[in-house]
Amino acid sequence: MTATAKTFSGFTANTKYSGAVRVS
């Protein structure tokens, strides 16, 4: 998995579960 895909996956998961949480 590329860094971009990993970041996107983390962002999506955080948005889905926490909403306000964002990956920096």
C-alpha atoms as a PDB file:
ATOM      1  CA  MET A   1       0.000   0.000   0.000  1.00  0.00           C
ATOM      2  CA  THR A   2       1.350   3.403  -0.930  1.00  0.00           C
ATOM      3  CA  ALA A   3       1.721   6.234   1.567  1.00  0.00           C
ATOM      4  CA  THR A   4      -1.052   8.159  -0.178  1.00  0.00           C
ATOM      5  CA  ALA A   5      -3.451   5.238  -0.069  1.00  0.00           C
ATOM      6  CA  LYS A   6      -2.586   4.556   3.565  1.00  0.00           C
ATOM      7  CA  THR A   7      -3.196   8.187   4.511  1.00  0.00           C
ATOM      8  CA  PHE A   8      -6.462   8.222   2.588  1.00  0.00           C
ATOM      9  CA  SER A   9      -7.586   4.996   4.278  1.00  0.00           C
ATOM     10  CA  GLY A  10      -6.705   6.412   7.694  1.00  0.00           C
ATOM     11  CA  PHE A  11      -8.525   9.644   6.905  1.00  0.00           C
ATOM     12  CA  THR A  12     -11.613   7.780   5.730  1.00  0.00           C
ATOM     13  CA  ALA A  13     -11.627   5.512   8.792  1.00  0.00           C
ATOM     14  CA  ASN A  14     -11.171   8.452  11.156  1.00  0.00           C
ATOM     15  CA  THR A  15     -13.921  10.435   9.447  1.00  0.00           C
ATOM     16  CA  LYS A  16     -16.249   7.446   9.504  1.00  0.00           C
ATOM     17  CA  TYR A  17     -15.731   6.641  13.193  1.00  0.00           C
ATOM     18  CA  SER A  18     -14.871  10.002  14.749  1.00  0.00           C
ATOM     19  CA  GLY A  19     -16.045  12.563  12.199  1.00  0.00           C
ATOM     20  CA  ALA A  20     -13.977  15.421  13.551  1.00  0.00           C
ATOM     21  CA  VAL A  21     -10.702  13.488  13.676  1.00  0.00           C
ATOM     22  CA  ARG A  22      -8.389  14.099  10.734  1.00  0.00           C
ATOM     23  CA  VAL A  23      -5.034  12.615   9.799  1.00  0.00           C
ATOM     24  CA  SER A  24      -2.292  15.211   9.591  1.00  0.00           C
END
